[in-house]
């Protein structure tokens, strides 16, 4: 028996992300469940929260929080910052917003890992 070992089921039950979609939550919980050492459990939980933080930043980058993400994108497109920006920046925002919304939906979002989430946020 491992000293101070936290049962993976306990770690899964305590894992409470705010911004991950269902596919991401499932993947993190699977990683926790497969962990065989306390360090692996701790790392899986830490990775899950890092992804949660990255998803929050992605949502903020496209104006996706504060209401339905589709509505927030409409609000952003009606803002002065968007209206008076260059066409190139508008096109970039539009492409990123469409891509980001594929992942921001809690129930219907696809899986996006930490690196891809950070890259999309930066775009």
C-alpha atoms as a PDB file:
ATOM      1  CA  UNK A   1       0.000   0.000   0.000  1.00  0.00           C
ATOM      2  CA  UNK A   2       1.210   3.508  -0.816  1.00  0.00           C
ATOM      3  CA  UNK A   3       1.416   5.912   2.127  1.00  0.00           C
ATOM      4  CA  UNK A   4      -1.116   8.753   1.932  1.00  0.00           C
ATOM      5  CA  UNK A   5      -2.473   7.311  -1.294  1.00  0.00           C
ATOM      6  CA  UNK A   6      -5.666   9.007  -2.424  1.00  0.00           C
ATOM      7  CA  UNK A   7      -8.041   6.629  -4.123  1.00  0.00           C
ATOM      8  CA  UNK A   8      -8.499   7.657  -7.790  1.00  0.00           C
ATOM      9  CA  UNK A   9     -12.280   7.565  -7.256  1.00  0.00           C
ATOM     10  CA  UNK A  10     -11.906  10.147  -4.475  1.00  0.00           C
ATOM     11  CA  UNK A  11      -9.731  12.349  -6.701  1.00  0.00           C
ATOM     12  CA  UNK A  12     -12.278  12.069  -9.522  1.00  0.00           C
ATOM     13  CA  UNK A  13     -15.131  12.981  -7.176  1.00  0.00           C
ATOM     14  CA  UNK A  14     -13.273  16.058  -5.917  1.00  0.00           C
ATOM     15  CA  UNK A  15     -12.232  17.239  -9.389  1.00  0.00           C
ATOM     16  CA  UNK A  16     -14.504  20.210 -10.107  1.00  0.00           C
ATOM     17  CA  UNK A  17     -13.557  22.201 -13.198  1.00  0.00           C
ATOM     18  CA  UNK A  18     -15.576  25.243 -14.188  1.00  0.00           C
ATOM     19  CA  UNK A  19     -14.752  25.661 -17.877  1.00  0.00           C
ATOM     20  CA  UNK A  20     -14.015  22.230 -19.333  1.00  0.00           C
ATOM     21  CA  UNK A  21     -16.502  20.668 -21.702  1.00  0.00           C
ATOM     22  CA  UNK A  22     -17.829  17.164 -21.112  1.00  0.00           C
ATOM     23  CA  UNK A  23     -15.307  15.538 -23.489  1.00  0.00           C
ATOM     24  CA  UNK A  24     -12.417  17.173 -21.649  1.00  0.00           C
ATOM     25  CA  UNK A  25     -13.813  16.264 -18.223  1.00  0.00           C
ATOM     26  CA  UNK A  26     -14.171  12.659 -19.335  1.00  0.00           C
ATOM     27  CA  UNK A  27     -10.558  12.579 -20.591  1.00  0.00           C
ATOM     28  CA  UNK A  28      -9.179  14.062 -17.355  1.00  0.00           C
ATOM     29  CA  UNK A  29     -11.200  11.674 -15.204  1.00  0.00           C
ATOM     30  CA  UNK A  30      -9.986   8.756 -17.325  1.00  0.00           C
ATOM     31  CA  UNK A  31      -6.380   9.858 -16.797  1.00  0.00           C
ATOM     32  CA  UNK A  32      -6.974  10.069 -13.040  1.00  0.00           C
ATOM     33  CA  UNK A  33      -8.626   6.641 -13.030  1.00  0.00           C
ATOM     34  CA  UNK A  34      -5.664   5.090 -14.844  1.00  0.00           C
ATOM     35  CA  UNK A  35      -3.099   6.587 -12.464  1.00  0.00           C
ATOM     36  CA  UNK A  36      -1.248   4.008 -10.386  1.00  0.00           C
ATOM     37  CA  UNK A  37       0.740   6.275  -8.070  1.00  0.00           C
ATOM     38  CA  UNK A  38      -0.071   9.272  -5.934  1.00  0.00           C
ATOM     39  CA  UNK A  39       2.239  11.392  -8.099  1.00  0.00           C
ATOM     40  CA  UNK A  40       0.385  10.326 -11.243  1.00  0.00           C
ATOM     41  CA  UNK A  41      -2.970  11.163  -9.653  1.00  0.00           C
ATOM     42  CA  UNK A  42      -1.678  14.550  -8.507  1.00  0.00           C
ATOM     43  CA  UNK A  43      -0.260  15.252 -11.978  1.00  0.00           C
ATOM     44  CA  UNK A  44      -3.504  14.259 -13.711  1.00  0.00           C
ATOM     45  CA  UNK A  45      -5.499  16.561 -11.419  1.00  0.00           C
ATOM     46  CA  UNK A  46      -3.000  19.414 -11.915  1.00  0.00           C
ATOM     47  CA  UNK A  47      -3.128  18.920 -15.690  1.00  0.00           C
ATOM     48  CA  UNK A  48      -6.927  19.000 -15.540  1.00  0.00           C
ATOM     49  CA  UNK A  49      -6.951  22.296 -13.688  1.00  0.00           C
ATOM     50  CA  UNK A  50      -4.335  23.750 -16.058  1.00  0.00           C
ATOM     51  CA  UNK A  51      -6.611  22.839 -18.966  1.00  0.00           C
ATOM     52  CA  UNK A  52      -9.573  24.343 -17.098  1.00  0.00           C
ATOM     53  CA  UNK A  53      -7.663  27.616 -16.711  1.00  0.00           C
ATOM     54  CA  UNK A  54      -6.680  27.569 -20.385  1.00  0.00           C
ATOM     55  CA  UNK A  55     -10.308  27.022 -21.413  1.00  0.00           C
ATOM     56  CA  UNK A  56     -11.368  29.984 -19.265  1.00  0.00           C
ATOM     57  CA  UNK A  57      -8.811  32.141 -21.073  1.00  0.00           C
ATOM     58  CA  UNK A  58      -9.987  30.853 -24.451  1.00  0.00           C
ATOM     59  CA  UNK A  59     -13.570  31.767 -23.598  1.00  0.00           C
ATOM     60  CA  UNK A  60     -12.510  35.207 -22.444  1.00  0.00           C
ATOM     61  CA  UNK A  61     -10.436  35.769 -25.582  1.00  0.00           C
ATOM     62  CA  UNK A  62     -13.486  35.491 -27.816  1.00  0.00           C
ATOM     63  CA  UNK A  63     -15.948  37.065 -25.397  1.00  0.00           C
ATOM     64  CA  UNK A  64     -17.505  33.675 -24.714  1.00  0.00           C
ATOM     65  CA  UNK A  65     -18.449  34.132 -21.065  1.00  0.00           C
ATOM     66  CA  UNK A  66     -21.254  36.173 -19.629  1.00  0.00           C
ATOM     67  CA  UNK A  67     -23.968  34.455 -21.628  1.00  0.00           C
ATOM     68  CA  UNK A  68     -24.334  32.016 -24.499  1.00  0.00           C
ATOM     69  CA  UNK A  69     -21.101  32.118 -26.472  1.00  0.00           C
ATOM     70  CA  UNK A  70     -22.907  32.798 -29.753  1.00  0.00           C
ATOM     71  CA  UNK A  71     -24.521  35.891 -28.201  1.00  0.00           C
ATOM     72  CA  UNK A  72     -21.210  37.147 -26.803  1.00  0.00           C
ATOM     73  CA  UNK A  73     -19.616  36.879 -30.255  1.00  0.00           C
ATOM     74  CA  UNK A  74     -22.484  38.971 -31.662  1.00  0.00           C
ATOM     75  CA  UNK A  75     -21.878  41.552 -28.909  1.00  0.00           C
ATOM     76  CA  UNK A  76     -18.158  41.617 -29.697  1.00  0.00           C
ATOM     77  CA  UNK A  77     -18.861  42.118 -33.388  1.00  0.00           C
ATOM     78  CA  UNK A  78     -21.052  45.107 -32.513  1.00  0.00           C
ATOM     79  CA  UNK A  79     -18.396  46.716 -30.305  1.00  0.00           C
ATOM     80  CA  UNK A  80     -16.399  49.745 -31.446  1.00  0.00           C
ATOM     81  CA  UNK A  81     -13.142  47.824 -31.095  1.00  0.00           C
ATOM     82  CA  UNK A  82     -14.373  45.294 -33.661  1.00  0.00           C
ATOM     83  CA  UNK A  83     -16.245  47.702 -35.946  1.00  0.00           C
ATOM     84  CA  UNK A  84     -13.288  50.066 -36.335  1.00  0.00           C
ATOM     85  CA  UNK A  85     -10.573  47.410 -36.553  1.00  0.00           C
ATOM     86  CA  UNK A  86      -8.900  46.309 -39.782  1.00  0.00           C
ATOM     87  CA  UNK A  87     -10.617  43.762 -41.976  1.00  0.00           C
ATOM     88  CA  UNK A  88      -7.714  41.381 -41.429  1.00  0.00           C
ATOM     89  CA  UNK A  89      -8.191  41.516 -37.635  1.00  0.00           C
ATOM     90  CA  UNK A  90     -11.957  41.082 -38.024  1.00  0.00           C
ATOM     91  CA  UNK A  91     -11.446  38.026 -40.212  1.00  0.00           C
ATOM     92  CA  UNK A  92      -8.954  36.560 -37.739  1.00  0.00           C
ATOM     93  CA  UNK A  93     -11.339  37.102 -34.822  1.00  0.00           C
ATOM     94  CA  UNK A  94     -14.220  35.559 -36.768  1.00  0.00           C
ATOM     95  CA  UNK A  95     -12.189  32.448 -37.641  1.00  0.00           C
ATOM     96  CA  UNK A  96     -10.941  32.005 -34.072  1.00  0.00           C
ATOM     97  CA  UNK A  97     -14.411  32.607 -32.597  1.00  0.00           C
ATOM     98  CA  UNK A  98     -15.939  29.933 -34.828  1.00  0.00           C
ATOM     99  CA  UNK A  99     -13.152  27.485 -33.937  1.00  0.00           C
ATOM    100  CA  UNK A 100     -13.286  28.315 -30.211  1.00  0.00           C
ATOM    101  CA  UNK A 101     -17.046  27.832 -30.038  1.00  0.00           C
ATOM    102  CA  UNK A 102     -16.566  24.232 -31.201  1.00  0.00           C
ATOM    103  CA  UNK A 103     -14.945  23.597 -27.809  1.00  0.00           C
ATOM    104  CA  UNK A 104     -16.613  26.054 -25.435  1.00  0.00           C
ATOM    105  CA  UNK A 105     -19.986  24.308 -25.376  1.00  0.00           C
ATOM    106  CA  UNK A 106     -20.124  22.234 -22.178  1.00  0.00           C
ATOM    107  CA  UNK A 107     -22.330  19.493 -23.606  1.00  0.00           C
ATOM    108  CA  UNK A 108     -21.339  19.525 -27.278  1.00  0.00           C
ATOM    109  CA  UNK A 109     -17.733  20.709 -27.213  1.00  0.00           C
ATOM    110  CA  UNK A 110     -15.035  18.513 -28.656  1.00  0.00           C
ATOM    111  CA  UNK A 111     -11.833  17.552 -26.911  1.00  0.00           C
ATOM    112  CA  UNK A 112      -9.047  20.122 -27.081  1.00  0.00           C
ATOM    113  CA  UNK A 113      -5.781  19.546 -25.217  1.00  0.00           C
ATOM    114  CA  UNK A 114      -3.808  22.127 -23.251  1.00  0.00           C
ATOM    115  CA  UNK A 115      -1.348  23.069 -26.003  1.00  0.00           C
ATOM    116  CA  UNK A 116      -4.058  23.421 -28.639  1.00  0.00           C
ATOM    117  CA  UNK A 117      -6.188  25.481 -26.248  1.00  0.00           C
ATOM    118  CA  UNK A 118      -3.305  27.842 -25.510  1.00  0.00           C
ATOM    119  CA  UNK A 119      -2.468  28.160 -29.199  1.00  0.00           C
ATOM    120  CA  UNK A 120      -6.066  28.959 -30.140  1.00  0.00           C
ATOM    121  CA  UNK A 121      -6.253  31.541 -27.348  1.00  0.00           C
ATOM    122  CA  UNK A 122      -3.095  33.216 -28.590  1.00  0.00           C
ATOM    123  CA  UNK A 123      -4.501  33.410 -32.111  1.00  0.00           C
END
